[in-house]
């Protein structure tokens, strides 16, 4: 049986097992415990129990302070004390130890493990905090760059808005000028038509005139069609049109005169130029035909025997 440094061999080994589990024995004591462990399964089982208990205490994070005696032995094992204190401690260990020394050793082991665990946790948390701080710095830099980019885009937008406002003002001015020009052109056109009509009156002092007006609303960009039926005492008749829409080759304009009983007589089939102008000689029906209305219709090329389409120009006949 193995003999410990003081007391019975069993008491000596039992007292040294907790410190052995903490690696807190000197070389002689470790050899003593290791020989006992090699010879006795009971010691090996007890050592396993200490190790398991230390692990459970460490997981529960319960901090227990060791006794001064065991603390000094742990510090001695770590090389924190001088040779004189080591010799004193060895002499002290030869005296009988209290029966509850194993409990203090277990508490000390748990304390060491808890401190080590908390230290590792603190280091891990510190590393995580450093990583988060670095990530936050990166995000702050990215946010600053994005904000600078947004500021630049706002400045560009403000410049574009100012430019658009200036362009719109210029367009508004041009539209106003265009409206004035259109109004002036309309007045000029009306004067031109009146002058053309006056020219016919001056050229034929005894000429009678029948005016025809558009029978449909023109397109917004088109001018309203106009027409005149001119007769002189010598028996000649002319038809003049303005602003009629040019037709394709399969169609033509056809002029008609109407009696009061709605009998229609064709007097001309004609085409207009690109501006809608035409001046053609017409033939009135002879005999006792008394016409009171004149119209211009769209007909098939070459004309038709009776009018089928809606008139584009019409007016009352004012001469006999």
C-alpha atoms as a PDB file:
ATOM      1  CA  UNK A   1       0.000   0.000   0.000  1.00  0.00           C
ATOM      2  CA  UNK A   2       1.293   3.537  -0.853  1.00  0.00           C
ATOM      3  CA  UNK A   3       2.173   5.752   2.137  1.00  0.00           C
ATOM      4  CA  UNK A   4       1.453   9.528   1.896  1.00  0.00           C
ATOM      5  CA  UNK A   5       3.455  12.333   3.521  1.00  0.00           C
ATOM      6  CA  UNK A   6       1.282  12.388   6.669  1.00  0.00           C
ATOM      7  CA  UNK A   7      -1.481  10.300   8.253  1.00  0.00           C
ATOM      8  CA  UNK A   8      -2.774   7.054   6.777  1.00  0.00           C
ATOM      9  CA  UNK A   9      -2.014   6.234   3.154  1.00  0.00           C
ATOM     10  CA  UNK A  10      -5.704   6.385   2.254  1.00  0.00           C
ATOM     11  CA  UNK A  11      -6.140   9.874   3.843  1.00  0.00           C
ATOM     12  CA  UNK A  12      -3.013  11.170   2.112  1.00  0.00           C
ATOM     13  CA  UNK A  13      -4.107  10.033  -1.368  1.00  0.00           C
ATOM     14  CA  UNK A  14      -7.710  11.195  -0.870  1.00  0.00           C
ATOM     15  CA  UNK A  15      -6.492  14.657   0.105  1.00  0.00           C
ATOM     16  CA  UNK A  16      -4.106  14.917  -2.832  1.00  0.00           C
ATOM     17  CA  UNK A  17      -6.557  13.767  -5.536  1.00  0.00           C
ATOM     18  CA  UNK A  18      -8.397  17.163  -5.914  1.00  0.00           C
ATOM     19  CA  UNK A  19      -5.141  19.065  -6.203  1.00  0.00           C
ATOM     20  CA  UNK A  20      -3.854  16.448  -8.665  1.00  0.00           C
ATOM     21  CA  UNK A  21      -6.939  16.997 -10.794  1.00  0.00           C
ATOM     22  CA  UNK A  22      -6.072  20.704 -10.850  1.00  0.00           C
ATOM     23  CA  UNK A  23      -2.392  20.011 -11.637  1.00  0.00           C
ATOM     24  CA  UNK A  24      -1.508  21.802  -8.368  1.00  0.00           C
ATOM     25  CA  UNK A  25       0.995  19.243  -6.905  1.00  0.00           C
ATOM     26  CA  UNK A  26       4.754  19.288  -6.905  1.00  0.00           C
ATOM     27  CA  UNK A  27       6.736  16.541  -8.598  1.00  0.00           C
ATOM     28  CA  UNK A  28       7.036  14.275  -5.501  1.00  0.00           C
ATOM     29  CA  UNK A  29       3.348  14.478  -4.705  1.00  0.00           C
ATOM     30  CA  UNK A  30       2.391  13.814  -8.323  1.00  0.00           C
ATOM     31  CA  UNK A  31       4.561  10.678  -8.355  1.00  0.00           C
ATOM     32  CA  UNK A  32       2.962   9.554  -5.111  1.00  0.00           C
ATOM     33  CA  UNK A  33      -0.577  10.020  -6.473  1.00  0.00           C
ATOM     34  CA  UNK A  34       0.214   8.476  -9.850  1.00  0.00           C
ATOM     35  CA  UNK A  35       1.625   5.317  -8.167  1.00  0.00           C
ATOM     36  CA  UNK A  36      -1.562   5.098  -6.100  1.00  0.00           C
ATOM     37  CA  UNK A  37      -3.733   5.557  -9.190  1.00  0.00           C
ATOM     38  CA  UNK A  38      -1.831   2.823 -10.982  1.00  0.00           C
ATOM     39  CA  UNK A  39      -2.384   0.374  -8.077  1.00  0.00           C
ATOM     40  CA  UNK A  40      -5.950   1.257  -7.012  1.00  0.00           C
ATOM     41  CA  UNK A  41      -9.093   1.384  -9.205  1.00  0.00           C
ATOM     42  CA  UNK A  42     -10.865   3.114  -6.304  1.00  0.00           C
ATOM     43  CA  UNK A  43      -8.542   6.118  -6.555  1.00  0.00           C
ATOM     44  CA  UNK A  44      -9.001   6.245 -10.304  1.00  0.00           C
ATOM     45  CA  UNK A  45     -12.792   6.291  -9.847  1.00  0.00           C
ATOM     46  CA  UNK A  46     -12.496   9.033  -7.208  1.00  0.00           C
ATOM     47  CA  UNK A  47     -10.295  11.108  -9.539  1.00  0.00           C
ATOM     48  CA  UNK A  48     -12.859  10.720 -12.324  1.00  0.00           C
ATOM     49  CA  UNK A  49     -15.571  11.943  -9.944  1.00  0.00           C
ATOM     50  CA  UNK A  50     -13.530  15.039  -9.066  1.00  0.00           C
ATOM     51  CA  UNK A  51     -12.950  15.843 -12.713  1.00  0.00           C
ATOM     52  CA  UNK A  52     -16.649  15.453 -13.510  1.00  0.00           C
ATOM     53  CA  UNK A  53     -17.643  17.612 -10.552  1.00  0.00           C
ATOM     54  CA  UNK A  54     -15.190  20.325 -11.572  1.00  0.00           C
ATOM     55  CA  UNK A  55     -16.650  20.357 -15.066  1.00  0.00           C
ATOM     56  CA  UNK A  56     -20.238  20.670 -13.761  1.00  0.00           C
ATOM     57  CA  UNK A  57     -19.276  23.485 -11.416  1.00  0.00           C
ATOM     58  CA  UNK A  58     -17.556  25.322 -14.263  1.00  0.00           C
ATOM     59  CA  UNK A  59     -20.655  25.029 -16.447  1.00  0.00           C
ATOM     60  CA  UNK A  60     -22.885  26.427 -13.691  1.00  0.00           C
ATOM     61  CA  UNK A  61     -20.534  29.469 -13.445  1.00  0.00           C
ATOM     62  CA  UNK A  62     -20.606  29.387  -9.631  1.00  0.00           C
ATOM     63  CA  UNK A  63     -17.499  31.127  -8.298  1.00  0.00           C
ATOM     64  CA  UNK A  64     -16.161  29.696  -5.004  1.00  0.00           C
ATOM     65  CA  UNK A  65     -13.041  31.025  -3.357  1.00  0.00           C
ATOM     66  CA  UNK A  66     -10.424  28.418  -2.292  1.00  0.00           C
ATOM     67  CA  UNK A  67      -8.774  28.340   1.096  1.00  0.00           C
ATOM     68  CA  UNK A  68      -5.513  30.195   1.642  1.00  0.00           C
ATOM     69  CA  UNK A  69      -3.653  26.894   1.916  1.00  0.00           C
ATOM     70  CA  UNK A  70      -4.881  25.539  -1.429  1.00  0.00           C
ATOM     71  CA  UNK A  71      -4.498  28.909  -3.121  1.00  0.00           C
ATOM     72  CA  UNK A  72      -0.838  29.049  -2.098  1.00  0.00           C
ATOM     73  CA  UNK A  73      -0.276  25.541  -3.422  1.00  0.00           C
ATOM     74  CA  UNK A  74      -1.848  26.478  -6.773  1.00  0.00           C
ATOM     75  CA  UNK A  75       0.296  29.578  -7.014  1.00  0.00           C
ATOM     76  CA  UNK A  76       3.361  27.525  -6.090  1.00  0.00           C
ATOM     77  CA  UNK A  77       2.582  25.086  -8.912  1.00  0.00           C
ATOM     78  CA  UNK A  78       2.404  28.053 -11.303  1.00  0.00           C
ATOM     79  CA  UNK A  79       5.881  29.242 -10.236  1.00  0.00           C
ATOM     80  CA  UNK A  80       4.626  32.422  -8.577  1.00  0.00           C
ATOM     81  CA  UNK A  81       6.494  31.862  -5.231  1.00  0.00           C
ATOM     82  CA  UNK A  82      10.163  31.686  -4.250  1.00  0.00           C
ATOM     83  CA  UNK A  83      12.125  28.635  -3.019  1.00  0.00           C
ATOM     84  CA  UNK A  84      11.805  29.625   0.661  1.00  0.00           C
ATOM     85  CA  UNK A  85       7.989  29.659   0.508  1.00  0.00           C
ATOM     86  CA  UNK A  86       7.995  26.307  -1.314  1.00  0.00           C
ATOM     87  CA  UNK A  87      10.064  24.753   1.483  1.00  0.00           C
ATOM     88  CA  UNK A  88       7.689  26.181   4.093  1.00  0.00           C
ATOM     89  CA  UNK A  89       4.675  24.854   2.223  1.00  0.00           C
ATOM     90  CA  UNK A  90       6.181  21.375   2.024  1.00  0.00           C
ATOM     91  CA  UNK A  91       6.713  21.409   5.777  1.00  0.00           C
ATOM     92  CA  UNK A  92       3.165  22.551   6.270  1.00  0.00           C
ATOM     93  CA  UNK A  93       1.828  19.716   4.089  1.00  0.00           C
ATOM     94  CA  UNK A  94       3.503  17.175   6.425  1.00  0.00           C
ATOM     95  CA  UNK A  95       1.112  18.220   9.199  1.00  0.00           C
ATOM     96  CA  UNK A  96      -2.314  16.625   9.328  1.00  0.00           C
ATOM     97  CA  UNK A  97      -4.846  18.394   6.988  1.00  0.00           C
ATOM     98  CA  UNK A  98      -8.489  18.958   7.821  1.00  0.00           C
ATOM     99  CA  UNK A  99     -10.908  16.313   6.685  1.00  0.00           C
ATOM    100  CA  UNK A 100     -12.748  18.787   4.426  1.00  0.00           C
ATOM    101  CA  UNK A 101      -9.655  19.775   2.434  1.00  0.00           C
ATOM    102  CA  UNK A 102     -11.036  17.896  -0.587  1.00  0.00           C
ATOM    103  CA  UNK A 103     -14.102  20.153  -0.677  1.00  0.00           C
ATOM    104  CA  UNK A 104     -11.964  23.318  -0.722  1.00  0.00           C
ATOM    105  CA  UNK A 105      -9.815  21.827  -3.453  1.00  0.00           C
ATOM    106  CA  UNK A 106     -12.893  21.066  -5.531  1.00  0.00           C
ATOM    107  CA  UNK A 107     -14.148  24.620  -5.008  1.00  0.00           C
ATOM    108  CA  UNK A 108     -10.773  26.004  -6.022  1.00  0.00           C
ATOM    109  CA  UNK A 109     -10.767  23.904  -9.155  1.00  0.00           C
ATOM    110  CA  UNK A 110     -14.210  25.142 -10.043  1.00  0.00           C
ATOM    111  CA  UNK A 111     -13.098  28.712  -9.415  1.00  0.00           C
ATOM    112  CA  UNK A 112     -10.101  28.340 -11.697  1.00  0.00           C
ATOM    113  CA  UNK A 113     -12.191  26.755 -14.438  1.00  0.00           C
ATOM    114  CA  UNK A 114     -14.855  29.447 -14.137  1.00  0.00           C
ATOM    115  CA  UNK A 115     -12.277  32.218 -14.294  1.00  0.00           C
ATOM    116  CA  UNK A 116     -10.668  30.591 -17.314  1.00  0.00           C
ATOM    117  CA  UNK A 117     -14.083  30.151 -18.989  1.00  0.00           C
ATOM    118  CA  UNK A 118     -15.104  33.718 -18.262  1.00  0.00           C
ATOM    119  CA  UNK A 119     -11.783  34.955 -19.567  1.00  0.00           C
ATOM    120  CA  UNK A 120     -12.259  33.042 -22.803  1.00  0.00           C
ATOM    121  CA  UNK A 121     -15.805  34.348 -23.091  1.00  0.00           C
ATOM    122  CA  UNK A 122     -14.613  37.900 -22.494  1.00  0.00           C
ATOM    123  CA  UNK A 123     -11.950  37.500 -25.174  1.00  0.00           C
ATOM    124  CA  UNK A 124     -14.525  36.134 -27.621  1.00  0.00           C
ATOM    125  CA  UNK A 125     -16.922  38.982 -26.841  1.00  0.00           C
ATOM    126  CA  UNK A 126     -14.119  41.533 -27.208  1.00  0.00           C
ATOM    127  CA  UNK A 127     -13.194  40.083 -30.593  1.00  0.00           C
ATOM    128  CA  UNK A 128     -16.844  40.181 -31.650  1.00  0.00           C
ATOM    129  CA  UNK A 129     -17.143  43.800 -30.504  1.00  0.00           C
ATOM    130  CA  UNK A 130     -14.022  44.685 -32.503  1.00  0.00           C
ATOM    131  CA  UNK A 131     -15.487  42.988 -35.570  1.00  0.00           C
ATOM    132  CA  UNK A 132     -18.780  44.857 -35.123  1.00  0.00           C
ATOM    133  CA  UNK A 133     -16.954  48.151 -34.691  1.00  0.00           C
ATOM    134  CA  UNK A 134     -14.976  47.521 -37.879  1.00  0.00           C
ATOM    135  CA  UNK A 135     -18.170  46.581 -39.699  1.00  0.00           C
ATOM    136  CA  UNK A 136     -19.874  49.715 -38.384  1.00  0.00           C
ATOM    137  CA  UNK A 137     -16.963  51.861 -39.588  1.00  0.00           C
ATOM    138  CA  UNK A 138     -17.276  50.277 -43.023  1.00  0.00           C
ATOM    139  CA  UNK A 139     -21.015  50.910 -43.093  1.00  0.00           C
ATOM    140  CA  UNK A 140     -20.504  54.498 -41.967  1.00  0.00           C
ATOM    141  CA  UNK A 141     -17.978  55.062 -44.729  1.00  0.00           C
ATOM    142  CA  UNK A 142     -20.338  53.503 -47.276  1.00  0.00           C
ATOM    143  CA  UNK A 143     -23.218  55.652 -45.993  1.00  0.00           C
ATOM    144  CA  UNK A 144     -21.057  58.773 -46.257  1.00  0.00           C
ATOM    145  CA  UNK A 145     -20.121  57.888 -49.844  1.00  0.00           C
ATOM    146  CA  UNK A 146     -23.775  57.228 -50.700  1.00  0.00           C
ATOM    147  CA  UNK A 147     -24.822  60.538 -49.149  1.00  0.00           C
ATOM    148  CA  UNK A 148     -22.143  62.349 -51.143  1.00  0.00           C
ATOM    149  CA  UNK A 149     -23.386  60.641 -54.300  1.00  0.00           C
ATOM    150  CA  UNK A 150     -26.966  61.663 -53.474  1.00  0.00           C
ATOM    151  CA  UNK A 151     -25.850  65.245 -52.908  1.00  0.00           C
ATOM    152  CA  UNK A 152     -24.238  65.237 -56.342  1.00  0.00           C
ATOM    153  CA  UNK A 153     -27.380  63.820 -57.913  1.00  0.00           C
ATOM    154  CA  UNK A 154     -29.510  66.455 -56.144  1.00  0.00           C
ATOM    155  CA  UNK A 155     -27.270  69.178 -57.537  1.00  0.00           C
ATOM    156  CA  UNK A 156     -27.530  67.688 -61.033  1.00  0.00           C
ATOM    157  CA  UNK A 157     -31.320  67.469 -60.674  1.00  0.00           C
ATOM    158  CA  UNK A 158     -31.506  71.083 -59.531  1.00  0.00           C
ATOM    159  CA  UNK A 159     -29.432  72.141 -62.549  1.00  0.00           C
ATOM    160  CA  UNK A 160     -31.637  70.107 -64.905  1.00  0.00           C
ATOM    161  CA  UNK A 161     -34.784  71.539 -63.315  1.00  0.00           C
ATOM    162  CA  UNK A 162     -33.527  75.078 -63.753  1.00  0.00           C
ATOM    163  CA  UNK A 163     -32.552  74.309 -67.355  1.00  0.00           C
ATOM    164  CA  UNK A 164     -35.975  72.734 -68.010  1.00  0.00           C
ATOM    165  CA  UNK A 165     -37.707  75.785 -66.543  1.00  0.00           C
ATOM    166  CA  UNK A 166     -35.696  78.084 -68.804  1.00  0.00           C
ATOM    167  CA  UNK A 167     -36.439  75.876 -71.826  1.00  0.00           C
ATOM    168  CA  UNK A 168     -40.160  75.823 -70.976  1.00  0.00           C
ATOM    169  CA  UNK A 169     -40.204  79.596 -70.657  1.00  0.00           C
ATOM    170  CA  UNK A 170     -38.536  79.875 -74.076  1.00  0.00           C
ATOM    171  CA  UNK A 171     -41.077  77.430 -75.577  1.00  0.00           C
ATOM    172  CA  UNK A 172     -43.948  79.372 -74.027  1.00  0.00           C
ATOM    173  CA  UNK A 173     -42.606  82.547 -75.617  1.00  0.00           C
ATOM    174  CA  UNK A 174     -42.318  80.810 -78.995  1.00  0.00           C
ATOM    175  CA  UNK A 175     -45.867  79.492 -78.683  1.00  0.00           C
ATOM    176  CA  UNK A 176     -47.127  82.966 -77.933  1.00  0.00           C
ATOM    177  CA  UNK A 177     -45.306  84.279 -80.993  1.00  0.00           C
ATOM    178  CA  UNK A 178     -46.750  81.437 -83.081  1.00  0.00           C
ATOM    179  CA  UNK A 179     -50.279  82.254 -81.915  1.00  0.00           C
ATOM    180  CA  UNK A 180     -49.783  85.873 -82.934  1.00  0.00           C
ATOM    181  CA  UNK A 181     -48.441  84.772 -86.317  1.00  0.00           C
ATOM    182  CA  UNK A 182     -51.367  82.397 -86.852  1.00  0.00           C
ATOM    183  CA  UNK A 183     -53.841  85.105 -85.983  1.00  0.00           C
ATOM    184  CA  UNK A 184     -52.083  87.481 -88.357  1.00  0.00           C
ATOM    185  CA  UNK A 185     -52.069  84.810 -91.083  1.00  0.00           C
ATOM    186  CA  UNK A 186     -55.820  84.220 -90.624  1.00  0.00           C
ATOM    187  CA  UNK A 187     -56.501  87.925 -90.968  1.00  0.00           C
ATOM    188  CA  UNK A 188     -54.269  88.094 -94.033  1.00  0.00           C
ATOM    189  CA  UNK A 189     -56.047  85.090 -95.559  1.00  0.00           C
ATOM    190  CA  UNK A 190     -59.487  86.600 -94.993  1.00  0.00           C
ATOM    191  CA  UNK A 191     -58.316  89.822 -96.591  1.00  0.00           C
ATOM    192  CA  UNK A 192     -56.905  87.874 -99.540  1.00  0.00           C
ATOM    193  CA  UNK A 193     -60.216  86.103-100.141  1.00  0.00           C
ATOM    194  CA  UNK A 194     -62.095  89.371 -99.966  1.00  0.00           C
ATOM    195  CA  UNK A 195     -59.646  90.913-102.442  1.00  0.00           C
ATOM    196  CA  UNK A 196     -60.111  87.980-104.830  1.00  0.00           C
ATOM    197  CA  UNK A 197     -63.864  88.377-104.664  1.00  0.00           C
ATOM    198  CA  UNK A 198     -63.541  92.134-105.119  1.00  0.00           C
ATOM    199  CA  UNK A 199     -61.340  91.555-108.170  1.00  0.00           C
ATOM    200  CA  UNK A 200     -64.118  89.586-109.853  1.00  0.00           C
ATOM    201  CA  UNK A 201     -66.642  92.281-109.065  1.00  0.00           C
ATOM    202  CA  UNK A 202     -64.336  94.990-110.459  1.00  0.00           C
ATOM    203  CA  UNK A 203     -63.602  92.967-113.615  1.00  0.00           C
ATOM    204  CA  UNK A 204     -67.320  92.291-114.230  1.00  0.00           C
ATOM    205  CA  UNK A 205     -69.421  95.249-113.093  1.00  0.00           C
ATOM    206  CA  UNK A 206     -72.673  93.442-113.765  1.00  0.00           C
ATOM    207  CA  UNK A 207     -71.490  90.083-112.376  1.00  0.00           C
ATOM    208  CA  UNK A 208     -73.656  88.342-109.747  1.00  0.00           C
ATOM    209  CA  UNK A 209     -72.040  86.185-107.115  1.00  0.00           C
ATOM    210  CA  UNK A 210     -73.151  83.110-105.170  1.00  0.00           C
ATOM    211  CA  UNK A 211     -71.029  82.185-102.169  1.00  0.00           C
ATOM    212  CA  UNK A 212     -70.651  78.617-100.917  1.00  0.00           C
ATOM    213  CA  UNK A 213     -69.580  77.582 -97.441  1.00  0.00           C
ATOM    214  CA  UNK A 214     -68.083  74.415 -95.944  1.00  0.00           C
ATOM    215  CA  UNK A 215     -70.711  71.876 -94.931  1.00  0.00           C
ATOM    216  CA  UNK A 216     -68.462  69.933 -92.511  1.00  0.00           C
ATOM    217  CA  UNK A 217     -66.150  70.947 -89.680  1.00  0.00           C
ATOM    218  CA  UNK A 218     -62.576  70.908 -91.005  1.00  0.00           C
ATOM    219  CA  UNK A 219     -59.710  69.141 -89.290  1.00  0.00           C
ATOM    220  CA  UNK A 220     -57.835  71.247 -86.683  1.00  0.00           C
ATOM    221  CA  UNK A 221     -54.873  71.802 -89.009  1.00  0.00           C
ATOM    222  CA  UNK A 222     -57.036  72.483 -92.126  1.00  0.00           C
ATOM    223  CA  UNK A 223     -58.549  75.721 -93.340  1.00  0.00           C
ATOM    224  CA  UNK A 224     -62.313  75.923 -93.961  1.00  0.00           C
ATOM    225  CA  UNK A 225     -63.214  75.395 -97.605  1.00  0.00           C
ATOM    226  CA  UNK A 226     -64.777  78.270 -99.571  1.00  0.00           C
ATOM    227  CA  UNK A 227     -66.450  78.534-102.983  1.00  0.00           C
ATOM    228  CA  UNK A 228     -68.009  81.099-105.353  1.00  0.00           C
ATOM    229  CA  UNK A 229     -70.319  80.742-108.343  1.00  0.00           C
ATOM    230  CA  UNK A 230     -69.904  83.714-110.699  1.00  0.00           C
ATOM    231  CA  UNK A 231     -72.233  84.702-113.575  1.00  0.00           C
ATOM    232  CA  UNK A 232     -72.150  87.664-115.958  1.00  0.00           C
ATOM    233  CA  UNK A 233     -74.807  89.120-118.252  1.00  0.00           C
ATOM    234  CA  UNK A 234     -73.182  87.532-121.286  1.00  0.00           C
ATOM    235  CA  UNK A 235     -74.205  84.098-119.963  1.00  0.00           C
ATOM    236  CA  UNK A 236     -70.859  82.864-118.765  1.00  0.00           C
ATOM    237  CA  UNK A 237     -70.526  81.103-115.408  1.00  0.00           C
ATOM    238  CA  UNK A 238     -67.386  80.262-113.431  1.00  0.00           C
ATOM    239  CA  UNK A 239     -66.892  78.155-110.279  1.00  0.00           C
ATOM    240  CA  UNK A 240     -63.998  79.040-107.976  1.00  0.00           C
ATOM    241  CA  UNK A 241     -62.999  76.987-104.897  1.00  0.00           C
ATOM    242  CA  UNK A 242     -60.473  77.586-102.121  1.00  0.00           C
ATOM    243  CA  UNK A 243     -58.941  75.157 -99.600  1.00  0.00           C
ATOM    244  CA  UNK A 244     -60.691  71.987-100.799  1.00  0.00           C
ATOM    245  CA  UNK A 245     -58.911  68.767 -99.899  1.00  0.00           C
ATOM    246  CA  UNK A 246     -57.058  67.219-102.876  1.00  0.00           C
ATOM    247  CA  UNK A 247     -58.513  63.828-103.879  1.00  0.00           C
ATOM    248  CA  UNK A 248     -57.000  60.625-105.217  1.00  0.00           C
ATOM    249  CA  UNK A 249     -57.166  59.477-108.830  1.00  0.00           C
ATOM    250  CA  UNK A 250     -60.329  57.422-108.195  1.00  0.00           C
ATOM    251  CA  UNK A 251     -62.374  60.429-107.054  1.00  0.00           C
ATOM    252  CA  UNK A 252     -63.352  63.890-108.270  1.00  0.00           C
ATOM    253  CA  UNK A 253     -65.394  66.897-107.231  1.00  0.00           C
ATOM    254  CA  UNK A 254     -68.794  67.366-108.942  1.00  0.00           C
ATOM    255  CA  UNK A 255     -70.850  70.598-108.851  1.00  0.00           C
ATOM    256  CA  UNK A 256     -74.664  70.495-108.850  1.00  0.00           C
ATOM    257  CA  UNK A 257     -77.516  73.009-109.073  1.00  0.00           C
ATOM    258  CA  UNK A 258     -80.880  72.208-107.542  1.00  0.00           C
ATOM    259  CA  UNK A 259     -84.480  73.146-108.324  1.00  0.00           C
ATOM    260  CA  UNK A 260     -87.019  73.737-105.587  1.00  0.00           C
ATOM    261  CA  UNK A 261     -88.475  70.265-106.136  1.00  0.00           C
ATOM    262  CA  UNK A 262     -85.009  68.847-105.372  1.00  0.00           C
ATOM    263  CA  UNK A 263     -84.194  67.964-108.961  1.00  0.00           C
ATOM    264  CA  UNK A 264     -80.378  68.091-109.383  1.00  0.00           C
ATOM    265  CA  UNK A 265     -78.380  69.015-112.529  1.00  0.00           C
ATOM    266  CA  UNK A 266     -74.628  68.442-112.877  1.00  0.00           C
ATOM    267  CA  UNK A 267     -72.766  71.554-114.009  1.00  0.00           C
ATOM    268  CA  UNK A 268     -69.064  70.487-113.661  1.00  0.00           C
ATOM    269  CA  UNK A 269     -66.655  67.670-112.750  1.00  0.00           C
ATOM    270  CA  UNK A 270     -63.233  68.973-111.681  1.00  0.00           C
ATOM    271  CA  UNK A 271     -60.108  68.527-109.558  1.00  0.00           C
ATOM    272  CA  UNK A 272     -58.224  70.976-107.339  1.00  0.00           C
ATOM    273  CA  UNK A 273     -54.519  71.698-106.988  1.00  0.00           C
ATOM    274  CA  UNK A 274     -52.438  71.025-103.869  1.00  0.00           C
ATOM    275  CA  UNK A 275     -53.735  74.184-102.189  1.00  0.00           C
ATOM    276  CA  UNK A 276     -57.387  73.251-102.871  1.00  0.00           C
ATOM    277  CA  UNK A 277     -57.861  75.937-105.560  1.00  0.00           C
ATOM    278  CA  UNK A 278     -59.860  75.476-108.777  1.00  0.00           C
ATOM    279  CA  UNK A 279     -61.400  77.820-111.363  1.00  0.00           C
ATOM    280  CA  UNK A 280     -63.615  76.008-113.913  1.00  0.00           C
ATOM    281  CA  UNK A 281     -66.333  76.958-116.409  1.00  0.00           C
ATOM    282  CA  UNK A 282     -69.743  75.549-115.606  1.00  0.00           C
ATOM    283  CA  UNK A 283     -72.811  74.920-117.784  1.00  0.00           C
ATOM    284  CA  UNK A 284     -76.214  75.737-116.347  1.00  0.00           C
ATOM    285  CA  UNK A 285     -79.246  73.788-117.560  1.00  0.00           C
ATOM    286  CA  UNK A 286     -81.303  75.587-120.210  1.00  0.00           C
ATOM    287  CA  UNK A 287     -85.010  75.919-120.681  1.00  0.00           C
ATOM    288  CA  UNK A 288     -87.337  76.750-117.867  1.00  0.00           C
ATOM    289  CA  UNK A 289     -85.108  75.281-115.100  1.00  0.00           C
ATOM    290  CA  UNK A 290     -85.212  77.587-112.097  1.00  0.00           C
ATOM    291  CA  UNK A 291     -82.341  76.720-109.750  1.00  0.00           C
ATOM    292  CA  UNK A 292     -82.173  77.976-106.170  1.00  0.00           C
ATOM    293  CA  UNK A 293     -79.288  75.978-104.603  1.00  0.00           C
ATOM    294  CA  UNK A 294     -75.728  74.973-105.610  1.00  0.00           C
ATOM    295  CA  UNK A 295     -73.455  72.324-104.032  1.00  0.00           C
ATOM    296  CA  UNK A 296     -70.127  70.566-104.547  1.00  0.00           C
ATOM    297  CA  UNK A 297     -69.994  66.818-103.771  1.00  0.00           C
ATOM    298  CA  UNK A 298     -67.300  64.122-103.871  1.00  0.00           C
ATOM    299  CA  UNK A 299     -68.017  61.657-106.688  1.00  0.00           C
ATOM    300  CA  UNK A 300     -66.258  58.777-108.483  1.00  0.00           C
ATOM    301  CA  UNK A 301     -63.720  59.809-111.125  1.00  0.00           C
ATOM    302  CA  UNK A 302     -65.643  61.060-114.182  1.00  0.00           C
ATOM    303  CA  UNK A 303     -68.738  62.006-112.182  1.00  0.00           C
ATOM    304  CA  UNK A 304     -72.075  60.291-111.538  1.00  0.00           C
ATOM    305  CA  UNK A 305     -75.649  60.749-112.905  1.00  0.00           C
ATOM    306  CA  UNK A 306     -77.145  61.696-109.544  1.00  0.00           C
ATOM    307  CA  UNK A 307     -75.488  62.985-106.368  1.00  0.00           C
ATOM    308  CA  UNK A 308     -74.904  60.261-103.752  1.00  0.00           C
ATOM    309  CA  UNK A 309     -72.445  61.748-101.274  1.00  0.00           C
ATOM    310  CA  UNK A 310     -72.773  64.507 -98.724  1.00  0.00           C
ATOM    311  CA  UNK A 311     -71.915  67.994-100.066  1.00  0.00           C
ATOM    312  CA  UNK A 312     -68.641  69.597 -98.984  1.00  0.00           C
ATOM    313  CA  UNK A 313     -69.686  73.086-100.187  1.00  0.00           C
ATOM    314  CA  UNK A 314     -73.175  74.577-100.585  1.00  0.00           C
ATOM    315  CA  UNK A 315     -75.026  77.886-100.830  1.00  0.00           C
ATOM    316  CA  UNK A 316     -78.199  79.575-102.186  1.00  0.00           C
ATOM    317  CA  UNK A 317     -78.123  80.745-105.788  1.00  0.00           C
ATOM    318  CA  UNK A 318     -78.500  84.548-105.798  1.00  0.00           C
ATOM    319  CA  UNK A 319     -78.781  85.226-109.527  1.00  0.00           C
ATOM    320  CA  UNK A 320     -81.267  84.394-112.273  1.00  0.00           C
END
